[in-house]
Amino acid sequence: MNEPPGRDIDEILISAAGGETRIALLAGGRLGELEVARPSLQSVAGNIYVGRIDKVIPSIEAAFVEVGLSRSGFLALAETRPVGARGDTIADYVAEGDPVLVQVLRDAAGDKGAKLTSRISLAGRYLVLTPSAAEPAEVRVSRRIGDEAARDRLAARLGELAVDGESFIVRTAAGEAGAGDLAGEVAFLRAEWREIAEK
């Protein structure tokens, strides 16, 4: 949940009953945000799956991917094409029966399956790592870090840590992070990616 812009949250109300949990964030006695969580409708957004290409539809430049959910997920050409590649059709990258590593961008809704991407990203507190992405390594800094000196310092530090094939986004929370914090998170995200790749 995101805090309401410009207001400090001063009260959190939680109610759990009837198969759902409701969380209300109050700022100055007014409702800032409400979230309702139902275990039966658990989100899979962000989950990573090894799927199999079920069907390739050239007319819409997309593929349907079986990942073990209630219906096949939707993988568009733009989410299949590797960074920097210039392939013209979905068939340049996938074929029916191919195994594919995908991440859920958006949950299924109505009669539409989950929206998928083959560009895996792993988020930490300070950084987002996209492995197997950029050649050479790429570092981008959140625009919400307004101090130019801080932006330059963070970009330089991550530039020293990143290796070819990695893309990092420096999140707003990194503005106050020390060099050791950033190095530790880089190591953690790389280890997480290695574990996913091995599985």
N, C-alpha and C. Protein backbone atom coordinates (compact mmCIF):
# COMPACT_ATOMS: atom_id res chain seq x y z
N MET A 1 0.85 -1.18 0.00
CA MET A 1 0.00 0.00 0.00
C MET A 1 0.88 1.23 0.00
N ASN A 2 0.45 2.28 -0.67
CA ASN A 2 1.19 3.52 -0.72
C ASN A 2 0.54 4.53 0.20
N GLU A 3 1.37 5.35 0.84
CA GLU A 3 0.82 6.37 1.70
C GLU A 3 0.21 7.47 0.84
N PRO A 4 -0.86 8.14 1.34
CA PRO A 4 -1.42 9.25 0.60
C PRO A 4 -0.39 10.34 0.46
N PRO A 5 -0.30 10.97 -0.71
CA PRO A 5 0.73 11.98 -0.93
C PRO A 5 0.60 13.14 0.04
N GLY A 6 1.72 13.53 0.63
CA GLY A 6 1.77 14.72 1.47
C GLY A 6 1.15 14.56 2.85
N ARG A 7 0.69 13.39 3.24
CA ARG A 7 0.07 13.20 4.54
C ARG A 7 0.79 12.08 5.27
N ASP A 8 0.95 12.25 6.59
CA ASP A 8 1.56 11.20 7.41
C ASP A 8 0.46 10.29 7.92
N ILE A 9 0.67 9.01 7.80
CA ILE A 9 -0.26 8.03 8.33
C ILE A 9 -0.15 8.06 9.85
N ASP A 10 -1.26 8.27 10.55
CA ASP A 10 -1.20 8.30 11.99
C ASP A 10 -2.04 7.20 12.65
N GLU A 11 -2.76 6.42 11.83
CA GLU A 11 -3.54 5.34 12.40
C GLU A 11 -3.74 4.25 11.34
N ILE A 12 -3.65 3.00 11.77
CA ILE A 12 -3.90 1.85 10.90
C ILE A 12 -4.98 1.01 11.56
N LEU A 13 -6.06 0.77 10.83
CA LEU A 13 -7.15 -0.06 11.33
C LEU A 13 -7.16 -1.36 10.56
N ILE A 14 -7.27 -2.49 11.29
CA ILE A 14 -7.27 -3.81 10.65
C ILE A 14 -8.49 -4.57 11.14
N SER A 15 -9.22 -5.14 10.19
CA SER A 15 -10.39 -5.96 10.51
C SER A 15 -10.28 -7.26 9.74
N ALA A 16 -10.37 -8.39 10.45
CA ALA A 16 -10.29 -9.70 9.80
C ALA A 16 -11.55 -10.48 10.15
N ALA A 17 -12.40 -10.70 9.15
CA ALA A 17 -13.64 -11.45 9.36
C ALA A 17 -14.22 -11.83 8.00
N GLY A 18 -15.03 -12.88 8.01
CA GLY A 18 -15.74 -13.25 6.79
C GLY A 18 -14.85 -13.63 5.62
N GLY A 19 -13.68 -14.20 5.94
CA GLY A 19 -12.80 -14.65 4.86
C GLY A 19 -12.00 -13.56 4.19
N GLU A 20 -11.94 -12.36 4.80
CA GLU A 20 -11.14 -11.29 4.22
C GLU A 20 -10.53 -10.44 5.32
N THR A 21 -9.46 -9.76 4.98
CA THR A 21 -8.81 -8.83 5.88
C THR A 21 -8.85 -7.45 5.25
N ARG A 22 -9.32 -6.47 6.04
CA ARG A 22 -9.38 -5.08 5.54
C ARG A 22 -8.39 -4.24 6.34
N ILE A 23 -7.59 -3.46 5.62
CA ILE A 23 -6.60 -2.59 6.24
C ILE A 23 -6.87 -1.17 5.77
N ALA A 24 -7.13 -0.28 6.74
CA ALA A 24 -7.38 1.13 6.42
C ALA A 24 -6.26 1.99 6.98
N LEU A 25 -5.73 2.87 6.15
CA LEU A 25 -4.70 3.81 6.59
C LEU A 25 -5.36 5.17 6.75
N LEU A 26 -5.23 5.76 7.95
CA LEU A 26 -5.85 7.05 8.22
C LEU A 26 -4.78 8.11 8.39
N ALA A 27 -5.04 9.27 7.82
CA ALA A 27 -4.15 10.42 7.94
C ALA A 27 -5.00 11.59 8.39
N GLY A 28 -4.73 12.09 9.58
CA GLY A 28 -5.52 13.20 10.09
C GLY A 28 -6.98 12.84 10.29
N GLY A 29 -7.24 11.59 10.62
CA GLY A 29 -8.61 11.14 10.84
C GLY A 29 -9.38 10.83 9.57
N ARG A 30 -8.75 10.96 8.42
CA ARG A 30 -9.42 10.70 7.14
C ARG A 30 -8.81 9.48 6.47
N LEU A 31 -9.65 8.74 5.75
CA LEU A 31 -9.19 7.54 5.06
C LEU A 31 -8.23 7.92 3.94
N GLY A 32 -7.02 7.39 4.04
CA GLY A 32 -6.04 7.65 3.00
C GLY A 32 -6.01 6.53 1.97
N GLU A 33 -6.16 5.29 2.49
CA GLU A 33 -6.13 4.14 1.58
C GLU A 33 -6.80 2.96 2.25
N LEU A 34 -7.45 2.13 1.45
CA LEU A 34 -8.09 0.93 1.95
C LEU A 34 -7.67 -0.24 1.08
N GLU A 35 -7.24 -1.32 1.74
CA GLU A 35 -6.88 -2.53 1.00
C GLU A 35 -7.67 -3.70 1.57
N VAL A 36 -8.24 -4.50 0.67
CA VAL A 36 -8.99 -5.68 1.08
C VAL A 36 -8.26 -6.89 0.53
N ALA A 37 -7.90 -7.82 1.41
CA ALA A 37 -7.19 -9.03 1.00
C ALA A 37 -8.07 -10.24 1.26
N ARG A 38 -8.23 -11.05 0.22
CA ARG A 38 -8.99 -12.29 0.34
C ARG A 38 -8.07 -13.43 -0.04
N PRO A 39 -7.81 -14.37 0.89
CA PRO A 39 -6.91 -15.49 0.60
C PRO A 39 -7.30 -16.26 -0.65
N SER A 40 -8.60 -16.34 -0.92
CA SER A 40 -9.05 -17.07 -2.11
C SER A 40 -8.69 -16.34 -3.40
N LEU A 41 -8.38 -15.05 -3.29
CA LEU A 41 -8.03 -14.24 -4.46
C LEU A 41 -6.59 -13.76 -4.35
N GLN A 42 -5.73 -14.61 -3.85
CA GLN A 42 -4.33 -14.23 -3.63
C GLN A 42 -3.66 -13.84 -4.94
N SER A 43 -2.97 -12.73 -4.92
CA SER A 43 -2.27 -12.25 -6.11
C SER A 43 -1.04 -13.12 -6.40
N VAL A 44 -0.77 -13.32 -7.69
CA VAL A 44 0.44 -14.01 -8.10
C VAL A 44 1.38 -13.06 -8.84
N ALA A 45 1.01 -11.75 -8.86
CA ALA A 45 1.85 -10.76 -9.53
C ALA A 45 3.24 -10.78 -8.92
N GLY A 46 4.26 -10.83 -9.76
CA GLY A 46 5.65 -10.89 -9.33
C GLY A 46 6.19 -12.30 -9.26
N ASN A 47 5.29 -13.30 -9.20
CA ASN A 47 5.76 -14.69 -9.14
C ASN A 47 6.48 -15.06 -10.43
N ILE A 48 7.44 -15.97 -10.31
CA ILE A 48 8.24 -16.43 -11.45
C ILE A 48 7.94 -17.91 -11.66
N TYR A 49 7.68 -18.29 -12.90
CA TYR A 49 7.33 -19.66 -13.24
C TYR A 49 8.14 -20.14 -14.44
N VAL A 50 8.39 -21.45 -14.48
CA VAL A 50 8.84 -22.07 -15.71
C VAL A 50 7.56 -22.56 -16.39
N GLY A 51 7.26 -21.99 -17.53
CA GLY A 51 6.06 -22.36 -18.25
C GLY A 51 6.40 -23.05 -19.55
N ARG A 52 5.36 -23.39 -20.28
CA ARG A 52 5.51 -24.00 -21.59
C ARG A 52 4.61 -23.24 -22.56
N ILE A 53 5.16 -22.90 -23.71
CA ILE A 53 4.37 -22.19 -24.72
C ILE A 53 3.26 -23.11 -25.20
N ASP A 54 2.02 -22.71 -24.93
CA ASP A 54 0.84 -23.48 -25.28
C ASP A 54 0.43 -23.21 -26.72
N LYS A 55 0.45 -21.93 -27.08
CA LYS A 55 0.00 -21.56 -28.42
C LYS A 55 0.64 -20.23 -28.81
N VAL A 56 1.07 -20.12 -30.07
CA VAL A 56 1.61 -18.88 -30.61
C VAL A 56 0.59 -18.34 -31.60
N ILE A 57 0.20 -17.07 -31.43
CA ILE A 57 -0.81 -16.44 -32.29
C ILE A 57 -0.15 -15.31 -33.07
N PRO A 58 0.35 -15.59 -34.28
CA PRO A 58 1.05 -14.55 -35.04
C PRO A 58 0.19 -13.32 -35.35
N SER A 59 -1.11 -13.49 -35.50
CA SER A 59 -1.96 -12.36 -35.88
C SER A 59 -2.00 -11.28 -34.80
N ILE A 60 -1.76 -11.65 -33.53
CA ILE A 60 -1.72 -10.64 -32.46
C ILE A 60 -0.33 -10.53 -31.85
N GLU A 61 0.65 -11.20 -32.46
CA GLU A 61 2.04 -11.18 -31.99
C GLU A 61 2.12 -11.47 -30.49
N ALA A 62 1.55 -12.61 -30.10
CA ALA A 62 1.55 -13.00 -28.70
C ALA A 62 1.53 -14.52 -28.60
N ALA A 63 1.81 -14.98 -27.40
CA ALA A 63 1.77 -16.41 -27.12
C ALA A 63 1.01 -16.63 -25.82
N PHE A 64 0.40 -17.79 -25.71
CA PHE A 64 -0.24 -18.19 -24.46
C PHE A 64 0.67 -19.22 -23.80
N VAL A 65 0.88 -19.04 -22.50
CA VAL A 65 1.86 -19.83 -21.76
C VAL A 65 1.16 -20.57 -20.62
N GLU A 66 1.34 -21.88 -20.56
CA GLU A 66 0.80 -22.69 -19.47
C GLU A 66 1.80 -22.63 -18.32
N VAL A 67 1.33 -22.07 -17.17
CA VAL A 67 2.21 -21.95 -16.00
C VAL A 67 1.61 -22.60 -14.75
N GLY A 68 0.50 -23.31 -14.92
CA GLY A 68 -0.11 -23.98 -13.79
C GLY A 68 -1.19 -23.19 -13.09
N LEU A 69 -1.59 -22.05 -13.65
CA LEU A 69 -2.69 -21.28 -13.10
C LEU A 69 -4.00 -21.76 -13.73
N SER A 70 -5.11 -21.15 -13.36
CA SER A 70 -6.40 -21.62 -13.84
C SER A 70 -6.55 -21.47 -15.36
N ARG A 71 -5.85 -20.52 -15.94
CA ARG A 71 -5.85 -20.37 -17.40
C ARG A 71 -4.46 -19.94 -17.86
N SER A 72 -4.19 -20.15 -19.12
CA SER A 72 -2.88 -19.79 -19.67
C SER A 72 -2.64 -18.30 -19.57
N GLY A 73 -1.37 -17.93 -19.34
CA GLY A 73 -0.99 -16.53 -19.29
C GLY A 73 -0.73 -15.99 -20.68
N PHE A 74 -0.72 -14.66 -20.79
CA PHE A 74 -0.57 -13.96 -22.06
C PHE A 74 0.81 -13.32 -22.12
N LEU A 75 1.58 -13.67 -23.15
CA LEU A 75 2.94 -13.16 -23.34
C LEU A 75 3.02 -12.44 -24.68
N ALA A 76 3.09 -11.12 -24.63
CA ALA A 76 3.13 -10.31 -25.85
C ALA A 76 4.55 -10.23 -26.41
N LEU A 77 4.65 -9.90 -27.69
CA LEU A 77 5.95 -9.76 -28.34
C LEU A 77 6.85 -8.81 -27.57
N ALA A 78 6.32 -7.66 -27.13
CA ALA A 78 7.13 -6.67 -26.42
C ALA A 78 7.72 -7.21 -25.13
N GLU A 79 7.06 -8.19 -24.52
CA GLU A 79 7.53 -8.77 -23.26
C GLU A 79 8.39 -10.02 -23.50
N THR A 80 8.54 -10.39 -24.75
CA THR A 80 9.32 -11.57 -25.12
C THR A 80 10.67 -11.17 -25.71
N ARG A 81 10.67 -10.07 -26.42
CA ARG A 81 11.86 -9.60 -27.13
C ARG A 81 12.94 -9.20 -26.13
N PRO A 82 14.13 -9.77 -26.22
CA PRO A 82 15.23 -9.38 -25.33
C PRO A 82 15.60 -7.91 -25.53
N VAL A 83 16.13 -7.29 -24.49
CA VAL A 83 16.55 -5.89 -24.58
C VAL A 83 17.55 -5.74 -25.71
N GLY A 84 17.31 -4.78 -26.57
CA GLY A 84 18.22 -4.50 -27.68
C GLY A 84 17.97 -5.34 -28.93
N ALA A 85 17.11 -6.36 -28.84
CA ALA A 85 16.83 -7.21 -30.00
C ALA A 85 15.86 -6.51 -30.93
N ARG A 86 15.87 -6.91 -32.19
CA ARG A 86 15.03 -6.26 -33.19
C ARG A 86 14.16 -7.25 -33.95
N GLY A 87 13.85 -8.38 -33.34
CA GLY A 87 13.01 -9.37 -34.01
C GLY A 87 11.65 -8.79 -34.33
N ASP A 88 11.10 -9.20 -35.46
CA ASP A 88 9.84 -8.61 -35.93
C ASP A 88 8.61 -9.36 -35.48
N THR A 89 8.72 -10.64 -35.17
CA THR A 89 7.53 -11.41 -34.84
C THR A 89 7.74 -12.25 -33.59
N ILE A 90 6.66 -12.63 -32.97
CA ILE A 90 6.72 -13.48 -31.77
C ILE A 90 7.40 -14.80 -32.08
N ALA A 91 7.21 -15.28 -33.31
CA ALA A 91 7.79 -16.56 -33.71
C ALA A 91 9.32 -16.50 -33.80
N ASP A 92 9.90 -15.29 -33.80
CA ASP A 92 11.36 -15.17 -33.76
C ASP A 92 11.92 -15.59 -32.41
N TYR A 93 11.07 -15.64 -31.38
CA TYR A 93 11.54 -15.89 -30.02
C TYR A 93 10.98 -17.13 -29.37
N VAL A 94 9.76 -17.53 -29.73
CA VAL A 94 9.15 -18.70 -29.09
C VAL A 94 8.41 -19.56 -30.10
N ALA A 95 8.28 -20.84 -29.76
CA ALA A 95 7.51 -21.78 -30.57
C ALA A 95 6.69 -22.66 -29.64
N GLU A 96 5.60 -23.20 -30.14
CA GLU A 96 4.75 -24.06 -29.32
C GLU A 96 5.56 -25.21 -28.75
N GLY A 97 5.37 -25.45 -27.44
CA GLY A 97 6.08 -26.51 -26.74
C GLY A 97 7.36 -26.07 -26.07
N ASP A 98 7.87 -24.87 -26.39
CA ASP A 98 9.10 -24.37 -25.78
C ASP A 98 8.91 -24.12 -24.29
N PRO A 99 9.91 -24.47 -23.47
CA PRO A 99 9.87 -24.03 -22.07
C PRO A 99 10.28 -22.56 -22.02
N VAL A 100 9.72 -21.82 -21.07
CA VAL A 100 10.04 -20.39 -20.98
C VAL A 100 9.94 -19.95 -19.52
N LEU A 101 10.90 -19.13 -19.09
CA LEU A 101 10.88 -18.57 -17.75
C LEU A 101 10.13 -17.24 -17.84
N VAL A 102 9.06 -17.11 -17.05
CA VAL A 102 8.24 -15.90 -17.10
C VAL A 102 7.93 -15.39 -15.70
N GLN A 103 7.59 -14.10 -15.64
CA GLN A 103 7.18 -13.47 -14.40
C GLN A 103 5.80 -12.85 -14.64
N VAL A 104 4.93 -12.91 -13.63
CA VAL A 104 3.59 -12.36 -13.77
C VAL A 104 3.64 -10.86 -13.54
N LEU A 105 3.20 -10.11 -14.55
CA LEU A 105 3.13 -8.65 -14.44
C LEU A 105 1.79 -8.23 -13.85
N ARG A 106 0.72 -8.93 -14.25
CA ARG A 106 -0.62 -8.57 -13.79
C ARG A 106 -1.44 -9.83 -13.64
N ASP A 107 -2.22 -9.89 -12.56
CA ASP A 107 -3.07 -11.05 -12.30
C ASP A 107 -4.14 -11.22 -13.38
N ALA A 108 -4.65 -12.45 -13.48
CA ALA A 108 -5.77 -12.73 -14.37
C ALA A 108 -6.97 -11.90 -13.93
N ALA A 109 -7.78 -11.50 -14.88
CA ALA A 109 -8.99 -10.73 -14.57
C ALA A 109 -10.07 -11.11 -15.58
N GLY A 110 -11.26 -11.42 -15.06
CA GLY A 110 -12.36 -11.79 -15.95
C GLY A 110 -12.00 -13.02 -16.74
N ASP A 111 -12.13 -12.93 -18.06
CA ASP A 111 -11.81 -14.07 -18.92
C ASP A 111 -10.39 -14.00 -19.47
N LYS A 112 -9.58 -13.06 -18.97
CA LYS A 112 -8.20 -12.90 -19.46
C LYS A 112 -7.23 -13.53 -18.48
N GLY A 113 -6.26 -14.25 -19.02
CA GLY A 113 -5.22 -14.84 -18.19
C GLY A 113 -4.25 -13.80 -17.70
N ALA A 114 -3.34 -14.20 -16.85
CA ALA A 114 -2.33 -13.30 -16.30
C ALA A 114 -1.45 -12.75 -17.41
N LYS A 115 -1.02 -11.50 -17.27
CA LYS A 115 -0.09 -10.89 -18.22
C LYS A 115 1.32 -11.25 -17.77
N LEU A 116 2.13 -11.77 -18.70
CA LEU A 116 3.46 -12.28 -18.38
C LEU A 116 4.56 -11.49 -19.09
N THR A 117 5.77 -11.63 -18.56
CA THR A 117 6.95 -11.10 -19.22
C THR A 117 8.08 -12.12 -19.08
N SER A 118 8.96 -12.13 -20.07
CA SER A 118 10.15 -12.99 -19.95
C SER A 118 11.34 -12.19 -19.44
N ARG A 119 11.12 -10.91 -19.14
CA ARG A 119 12.15 -10.04 -18.56
C ARG A 119 12.01 -10.06 -17.05
N ILE A 120 12.70 -10.97 -16.43
CA ILE A 120 12.60 -11.18 -14.99
C ILE A 120 13.25 -10.02 -14.24
N SER A 121 12.58 -9.53 -13.18
CA SER A 121 13.19 -8.51 -12.32
C SER A 121 13.00 -8.90 -10.87
N LEU A 122 14.03 -8.66 -10.07
CA LEU A 122 14.03 -9.00 -8.66
C LEU A 122 14.19 -7.71 -7.85
N ALA A 123 13.23 -7.45 -6.97
CA ALA A 123 13.25 -6.20 -6.22
C ALA A 123 13.76 -6.40 -4.80
N GLY A 124 14.63 -5.52 -4.39
CA GLY A 124 15.09 -5.46 -3.02
C GLY A 124 14.64 -4.14 -2.40
N ARG A 125 15.15 -3.83 -1.25
CA ARG A 125 14.78 -2.57 -0.60
C ARG A 125 15.34 -1.37 -1.34
N TYR A 126 16.59 -1.47 -1.80
CA TYR A 126 17.26 -0.35 -2.44
C TYR A 126 17.35 -0.45 -3.96
N LEU A 127 17.29 -1.67 -4.47
CA LEU A 127 17.59 -1.91 -5.88
C LEU A 127 16.59 -2.84 -6.53
N VAL A 128 16.47 -2.74 -7.84
CA VAL A 128 15.77 -3.73 -8.65
C VAL A 128 16.79 -4.27 -9.65
N LEU A 129 16.96 -5.58 -9.67
CA LEU A 129 17.90 -6.23 -10.58
C LEU A 129 17.14 -6.89 -11.71
N THR A 130 17.54 -6.59 -12.94
CA THR A 130 17.06 -7.32 -14.10
C THR A 130 18.26 -8.08 -14.65
N PRO A 131 18.34 -9.39 -14.35
CA PRO A 131 19.48 -10.17 -14.84
C PRO A 131 19.32 -10.48 -16.32
N SER A 132 20.41 -10.81 -16.96
CA SER A 132 20.39 -11.17 -18.38
C SER A 132 19.71 -10.09 -19.20
N ALA A 133 20.04 -8.83 -18.90
CA ALA A 133 19.33 -7.74 -19.55
C ALA A 133 20.21 -6.93 -20.49
N ALA A 134 21.16 -6.22 -19.93
CA ALA A 134 21.88 -5.22 -20.72
C ALA A 134 23.32 -5.63 -20.98
N GLU A 135 23.77 -5.35 -22.15
CA GLU A 135 25.18 -5.54 -22.51
C GLU A 135 25.66 -4.22 -23.10
N PRO A 136 26.47 -3.44 -22.48
CA PRO A 136 27.05 -3.64 -21.16
C PRO A 136 26.02 -3.36 -20.06
N ALA A 137 26.47 -3.45 -18.80
CA ALA A 137 25.59 -3.23 -17.66
C ALA A 137 24.96 -1.84 -17.75
N GLU A 138 23.75 -1.74 -17.19
CA GLU A 138 23.02 -0.47 -17.21
C GLU A 138 22.56 -0.14 -15.80
N VAL A 139 22.68 1.13 -15.41
CA VAL A 139 22.22 1.59 -14.10
C VAL A 139 21.34 2.81 -14.31
N ARG A 140 20.13 2.76 -13.73
CA ARG A 140 19.22 3.90 -13.76
C ARG A 140 18.87 4.26 -12.32
N VAL A 141 18.73 5.55 -12.04
CA VAL A 141 18.45 6.03 -10.69
C VAL A 141 17.05 6.65 -10.67
N SER A 142 16.30 6.34 -9.61
CA SER A 142 14.95 6.86 -9.45
C SER A 142 14.93 8.38 -9.58
N ARG A 143 13.96 8.89 -10.32
CA ARG A 143 13.83 10.34 -10.47
C ARG A 143 13.42 11.02 -9.17
N ARG A 144 12.90 10.21 -8.24
CA ARG A 144 12.47 10.79 -6.96
C ARG A 144 13.66 11.18 -6.08
N ILE A 145 14.85 10.73 -6.44
CA ILE A 145 16.05 11.19 -5.74
C ILE A 145 16.45 12.49 -6.44
N GLY A 146 16.07 13.61 -5.85
CA GLY A 146 16.23 14.91 -6.51
C GLY A 146 17.61 15.50 -6.42
N ASP A 147 18.38 15.13 -5.40
CA ASP A 147 19.72 15.67 -5.21
C ASP A 147 20.65 15.11 -6.27
N GLU A 148 21.14 15.98 -7.13
CA GLU A 148 21.98 15.55 -8.26
C GLU A 148 23.26 14.88 -7.81
N ALA A 149 23.86 15.39 -6.72
CA ALA A 149 25.09 14.79 -6.21
C ALA A 149 24.82 13.36 -5.71
N ALA A 150 23.68 13.17 -5.05
CA ALA A 150 23.31 11.83 -4.57
C ALA A 150 23.06 10.90 -5.75
N ARG A 151 22.41 11.41 -6.78
CA ARG A 151 22.14 10.59 -7.98
C ARG A 151 23.46 10.15 -8.62
N ASP A 152 24.38 11.10 -8.75
CA ASP A 152 25.68 10.78 -9.36
C ASP A 152 26.45 9.77 -8.52
N ARG A 153 26.43 9.96 -7.18
CA ARG A 153 27.13 9.04 -6.27
C ARG A 153 26.56 7.62 -6.39
N LEU A 154 25.24 7.51 -6.40
CA LEU A 154 24.60 6.19 -6.49
C LEU A 154 24.86 5.54 -7.84
N ALA A 155 24.77 6.32 -8.91
CA ALA A 155 25.02 5.77 -10.24
C ALA A 155 26.47 5.28 -10.36
N ALA A 156 27.41 6.05 -9.81
CA ALA A 156 28.82 5.65 -9.86
C ALA A 156 29.06 4.39 -9.05
N ARG A 157 28.47 4.32 -7.85
CA ARG A 157 28.69 3.15 -6.99
C ARG A 157 28.13 1.89 -7.63
N LEU A 158 26.92 1.99 -8.17
CA LEU A 158 26.33 0.81 -8.82
C LEU A 158 27.05 0.47 -10.12
N GLY A 159 27.57 1.48 -10.79
CA GLY A 159 28.36 1.23 -12.00
C GLY A 159 29.58 0.39 -11.70
N GLU A 160 30.16 0.57 -10.49
CA GLU A 160 31.32 -0.23 -10.08
C GLU A 160 30.93 -1.67 -9.75
N LEU A 161 29.70 -1.84 -9.24
CA LEU A 161 29.26 -3.17 -8.80
C LEU A 161 28.64 -4.01 -9.92
N ALA A 162 27.97 -3.35 -10.87
CA ALA A 162 27.25 -4.07 -11.93
C ALA A 162 28.23 -4.70 -12.91
N VAL A 163 27.82 -5.84 -13.45
CA VAL A 163 28.62 -6.52 -14.48
C VAL A 163 27.77 -6.64 -15.74
N ASP A 164 28.42 -6.91 -16.85
CA ASP A 164 27.70 -7.05 -18.11
C ASP A 164 26.58 -8.07 -17.97
N GLY A 165 25.46 -7.76 -18.56
CA GLY A 165 24.31 -8.65 -18.48
C GLY A 165 23.36 -8.30 -17.35
N GLU A 166 23.69 -7.27 -16.57
CA GLU A 166 22.82 -6.84 -15.48
C GLU A 166 22.31 -5.43 -15.71
N SER A 167 21.09 -5.21 -15.27
CA SER A 167 20.52 -3.87 -15.26
C SER A 167 20.03 -3.61 -13.85
N PHE A 168 20.36 -2.46 -13.28
CA PHE A 168 19.91 -2.10 -11.94
C PHE A 168 19.10 -0.81 -12.01
N ILE A 169 18.03 -0.79 -11.25
CA ILE A 169 17.30 0.44 -10.97
C ILE A 169 17.56 0.75 -9.50
N VAL A 170 18.04 1.96 -9.24
CA VAL A 170 18.29 2.39 -7.87
C VAL A 170 17.00 3.03 -7.37
N ARG A 171 16.40 2.43 -6.34
CA ARG A 171 15.12 2.89 -5.81
C ARG A 171 15.31 4.10 -4.90
N THR A 172 14.22 4.81 -4.66
CA THR A 172 14.24 6.01 -3.84
C THR A 172 14.85 5.75 -2.46
N ALA A 173 14.54 4.61 -1.87
CA ALA A 173 15.04 4.28 -0.52
C ALA A 173 16.56 4.24 -0.47
N ALA A 174 17.22 4.10 -1.61
CA ALA A 174 18.68 4.02 -1.64
C ALA A 174 19.34 5.37 -1.39
N GLY A 175 18.57 6.44 -1.39
CA GLY A 175 19.13 7.77 -1.20
C GLY A 175 19.95 7.90 0.08
N GLU A 176 19.55 7.16 1.12
CA GLU A 176 20.25 7.22 2.40
C GLU A 176 21.12 5.98 2.66
N ALA A 177 21.20 5.08 1.70
CA ALA A 177 21.94 3.82 1.89
C ALA A 177 23.44 4.05 1.77
N GLY A 178 24.18 3.31 2.58
CA GLY A 178 25.63 3.38 2.51
C GLY A 178 26.16 2.42 1.45
N ALA A 179 27.45 2.54 1.15
CA ALA A 179 28.06 1.68 0.13
C ALA A 179 27.94 0.21 0.50
N GLY A 180 28.09 -0.11 1.80
CA GLY A 180 27.98 -1.50 2.25
C GLY A 180 26.57 -2.04 2.07
N ASP A 181 25.56 -1.19 2.31
CA ASP A 181 24.17 -1.60 2.13
C ASP A 181 23.91 -1.97 0.67
N LEU A 182 24.41 -1.14 -0.23
CA LEU A 182 24.20 -1.39 -1.66
C LEU A 182 24.93 -2.65 -2.11
N ALA A 183 26.18 -2.81 -1.69
CA ALA A 183 26.95 -4.00 -2.07
C ALA A 183 26.28 -5.27 -1.53
N GLY A 184 25.79 -5.19 -0.30
CA GLY A 184 25.10 -6.33 0.30
C GLY A 184 23.85 -6.71 -0.46
N GLU A 185 23.09 -5.70 -0.90
CA GLU A 185 21.87 -6.00 -1.64
C GLU A 185 22.18 -6.55 -3.03
N VAL A 186 23.21 -6.03 -3.67
CA VAL A 186 23.63 -6.58 -4.97
C VAL A 186 23.95 -8.07 -4.80
N ALA A 187 24.71 -8.41 -3.78
CA ALA A 187 25.08 -9.81 -3.54
C ALA A 187 23.85 -10.66 -3.27
N PHE A 188 22.91 -10.13 -2.48
CA PHE A 188 21.68 -10.87 -2.15
C PHE A 188 20.85 -11.13 -3.41
N LEU A 189 20.66 -10.10 -4.23
CA LEU A 189 19.84 -10.25 -5.44
C LEU A 189 20.49 -11.21 -6.45
N ARG A 190 21.82 -11.14 -6.55
CA ARG A 190 22.52 -12.08 -7.44
C ARG A 190 22.35 -13.51 -6.94
N ALA A 191 22.44 -13.72 -5.64
CA ALA A 191 22.27 -15.07 -5.07
C ALA A 191 20.84 -15.56 -5.32
N GLU A 192 19.88 -14.67 -5.17
CA GLU A 192 18.48 -15.03 -5.42
C GLU A 192 18.30 -15.44 -6.88
N TRP A 193 18.91 -14.69 -7.80
CA TRP A 193 18.81 -15.02 -9.21
C TRP A 193 19.47 -16.37 -9.51
N ARG A 194 20.65 -16.62 -8.92
CA ARG A 194 21.32 -17.90 -9.14
C ARG A 194 20.44 -19.07 -8.67
N GLU A 195 19.81 -18.89 -7.53
CA GLU A 195 18.92 -19.95 -7.00
C GLU A 195 17.74 -20.19 -7.94
N ILE A 196 17.15 -19.11 -8.47
CA ILE A 196 16.04 -19.26 -9.42
C ILE A 196 16.52 -19.97 -10.68
N ALA A 197 17.67 -19.53 -11.20
CA ALA A 197 18.20 -20.11 -12.43
C ALA A 197 18.49 -21.61 -12.25
N GLU A 198 19.03 -21.97 -11.09
CA GLU A 198 19.33 -23.40 -10.84
C GLU A 198 18.05 -24.23 -10.76
N LYS A 199 17.03 -23.67 -10.11
CA LYS A 199 15.75 -24.40 -9.99
C LYS A 199 15.09 -24.56 -11.36
